[in-house]
Structures are given as C-alpha cells and as structure tokens.
Amino acid sequence: MNFNTTKKRLAWLSKRGNIVTLKTHIHLSDGRKLRQLIVDHLQDKDGFYRIIGTHYNSNIYTNLRKLVEAIDWEWMEQNTEV
C-alpha cells in the first residue's frame, strides 16, 4: 500500500479495523509497551488529536499533523497489503 499523500494517510487512520504502527512506543500503566494499534476512530477533542484503538489509545497530539508524523509510514508501506 502506498501512503504517499496526507489524504491516503488520514483515510487509513480513519478506517475502523486498520492496524497502525507508531514510530515510538506507547507505555502502558502495567509496564508493557507497544507500537501497534487497531484503529477504532480518530478523536478530535478541543484541538487535540489521538487514535482511539480497540484496546489501547495513542498518545495525544496538539495537532493532526503531529499525529500523522508519529506513524511509521515507511514500515507500513513495506508491510501492508490491501
């Protein structure tokens, strides 16, 4: 899959069930850390953005551009089939 435009990236982040790989780990309260989420939906609350996952949520970002930049699109392009 080619994620070469912002439109394609936002479409992927908005579709429920898609798997997203982050550049950095999310640290969970029980000490575990992970880099992948299964998307439920994107949340925009008072200008702050995050991915609401089916089990875990992403970190909160101050704008949508920062959230998009937090995704490891290069890895996803190499490892995602549609």
C-alpha atoms as a PDB file:
ATOM      1  CA  MET A   1       0.000   0.000   0.000  1.00  0.00           C
ATOM      2  CA  ASN A   2       1.292   3.434  -0.877  1.00  0.00           C
ATOM      3  CA  PHE A   3       0.716   6.136   1.771  1.00  0.00           C
ATOM      4  CA  ASN A   4       2.278   8.962  -0.247  1.00  0.00           C
ATOM      5  CA  THR A   5      -0.393  11.631   0.388  1.00  0.00           C
ATOM      6  CA  THR A   6      -1.926  13.117   3.505  1.00  0.00           C
ATOM      7  CA  LYS A   7      -5.359  12.195   2.171  1.00  0.00           C
ATOM      8  CA  LYS A   8      -4.424   8.490   1.948  1.00  0.00           C
ATOM      9  CA  ARG A   9      -2.842   8.594   5.402  1.00  0.00           C
ATOM     10  CA  LEU A  10      -5.885  10.200   7.012  1.00  0.00           C
ATOM     11  CA  ALA A  11      -8.172   7.732   5.253  1.00  0.00           C
ATOM     12  CA  TRP A  12      -6.140   4.829   6.696  1.00  0.00           C
ATOM     13  CA  LEU A  13      -6.192   6.360  10.190  1.00  0.00           C
ATOM     14  CA  SER A  14      -9.942   6.877   9.992  1.00  0.00           C
ATOM     15  CA  LYS A  15     -10.984   3.370   8.978  1.00  0.00           C
ATOM     16  CA  ARG A  16     -12.005   1.082  11.789  1.00  0.00           C
ATOM     17  CA  GLY A  17     -10.004  -2.146  11.983  1.00  0.00           C
ATOM     18  CA  ASN A  18      -6.843  -0.884  10.280  1.00  0.00           C
ATOM     19  CA  ILE A  19      -3.559  -1.585  12.032  1.00  0.00           C
ATOM     20  CA  VAL A  20      -1.298   1.414  12.626  1.00  0.00           C
ATOM     21  CA  THR A  21       2.408   1.226  13.524  1.00  0.00           C
ATOM     22  CA  LEU A  22       3.852   4.102  15.531  1.00  0.00           C
ATOM     23  CA  LYS A  23       7.452   5.344  15.399  1.00  0.00           C
ATOM     24  CA  THR A  24       7.772   5.267  19.203  1.00  0.00           C
ATOM     25  CA  HIS A  25       6.303   3.032  21.861  1.00  0.00           C
ATOM     26  CA  ILE A  26       3.220   3.723  23.918  1.00  0.00           C
ATOM     27  CA  HIS A  27       3.985   2.911  27.553  1.00  0.00           C
ATOM     28  CA  LEU A  28       1.105   1.204  29.326  1.00  0.00           C
ATOM     29  CA  SER A  29       0.395   1.524  33.033  1.00  0.00           C
ATOM     30  CA  ASP A  30       1.332  -2.131  33.644  1.00  0.00           C
ATOM     31  CA  GLY A  31       4.849  -1.578  32.253  1.00  0.00           C
ATOM     32  CA  ARG A  32       4.245  -3.045  28.801  1.00  0.00           C
ATOM     33  CA  LYS A  33       4.955  -1.027  25.708  1.00  0.00           C
ATOM     34  CA  LEU A  34       3.641  -1.346  22.182  1.00  0.00           C
ATOM     35  CA  ARG A  35       3.923   0.257  18.757  1.00  0.00           C
ATOM     36  CA  GLN A  36       0.813  -1.026  17.003  1.00  0.00           C
ATOM     37  CA  LEU A  37      -2.841  -0.119  17.426  1.00  0.00           C
ATOM     38  CA  ILE A  38      -6.025  -1.348  15.828  1.00  0.00           C
ATOM     39  CA  VAL A  39      -7.986   1.751  14.845  1.00  0.00           C
ATOM     40  CA  ASP A  40     -11.484   2.317  16.162  1.00  0.00           C
ATOM     41  CA  HIS A  41     -11.647   6.025  15.245  1.00  0.00           C
ATOM     42  CA  LEU A  42      -9.784   9.325  15.325  1.00  0.00           C
ATOM     43  CA  GLN A  43     -10.616  11.614  18.206  1.00  0.00           C
ATOM     44  CA  ASP A  44     -10.523  15.411  17.883  1.00  0.00           C
ATOM     45  CA  LYS A  45     -11.233  16.976  21.249  1.00  0.00           C
ATOM     46  CA  ASP A  46     -10.662  20.703  21.720  1.00  0.00           C
ATOM     47  CA  GLY A  47      -7.920  20.731  19.071  1.00  0.00           C
ATOM     48  CA  PHE A  48      -6.073  17.707  20.484  1.00  0.00           C
ATOM     49  CA  TYR A  49      -5.899  14.511  18.442  1.00  0.00           C
ATOM     50  CA  ARG A  50      -5.379  10.823  19.133  1.00  0.00           C
ATOM     51  CA  ILE A  51      -6.241   7.429  17.742  1.00  0.00           C
ATOM     52  CA  ILE A  52      -8.823   5.588  19.780  1.00  0.00           C
ATOM     53  CA  GLY A  53      -7.922   1.956  19.421  1.00  0.00           C
ATOM     54  CA  THR A  54      -9.980  -1.154  20.013  1.00  0.00           C
ATOM     55  CA  HIS A  55      -7.800  -1.993  23.034  1.00  0.00           C
ATOM     56  CA  TYR A  56      -5.354   0.893  23.512  1.00  0.00           C
ATOM     57  CA  ASN A  57      -5.209   4.561  22.521  1.00  0.00           C
ATOM     58  CA  SER A  58      -2.346   6.544  21.042  1.00  0.00           C
ATOM     59  CA  ASN A  59      -0.690   9.425  22.788  1.00  0.00           C
ATOM     60  CA  ILE A  60      -2.396  12.814  22.495  1.00  0.00           C
ATOM     61  CA  TYR A  61      -1.037  15.250  19.895  1.00  0.00           C
ATOM     62  CA  THR A  62      -1.510  19.014  19.729  1.00  0.00           C
ATOM     63  CA  ASN A  63      -2.417  18.937  16.048  1.00  0.00           C
ATOM     64  CA  LEU A  64      -3.312  16.460  13.353  1.00  0.00           C
ATOM     65  CA  ARG A  65      -0.010  16.934  11.511  1.00  0.00           C
ATOM     66  CA  LYS A  66       1.945  15.732  14.573  1.00  0.00           C
ATOM     67  CA  LEU A  67      -0.261  12.668  14.892  1.00  0.00           C
ATOM     68  CA  VAL A  68       0.265  11.794  11.212  1.00  0.00           C
ATOM     69  CA  GLU A  69       4.035  12.282  11.632  1.00  0.00           C
ATOM     70  CA  ALA A  70       4.054   9.884  14.620  1.00  0.00           C
ATOM     71  CA  ILE A  71       3.073   6.982  12.355  1.00  0.00           C
ATOM     72  CA  ASP A  72       5.826   4.853  10.804  1.00  0.00           C
ATOM     73  CA  TRP A  73       4.519   5.146   7.241  1.00  0.00           C
ATOM     74  CA  GLU A  74       7.691   3.718   5.696  1.00  0.00           C
ATOM     75  CA  TRP A  75       7.371   0.497   7.700  1.00  0.00           C
ATOM     76  CA  MET A  76       3.658   0.328   6.954  1.00  0.00           C
ATOM     77  CA  GLU A  77       4.207   0.746   3.194  1.00  0.00           C
ATOM     78  CA  GLN A  78       6.634  -2.178   3.214  1.00  0.00           C
ATOM     79  CA  ASN A  79       4.429  -4.442   5.330  1.00  0.00           C
ATOM     80  CA  THR A  80       0.806  -3.640   4.480  1.00  0.00           C
ATOM     81  CA  GLU A  81      -1.241  -5.363   1.819  1.00  0.00           C
ATOM     82  CA  VAL A  82      -4.676  -4.150   0.833  1.00  0.00           C
END
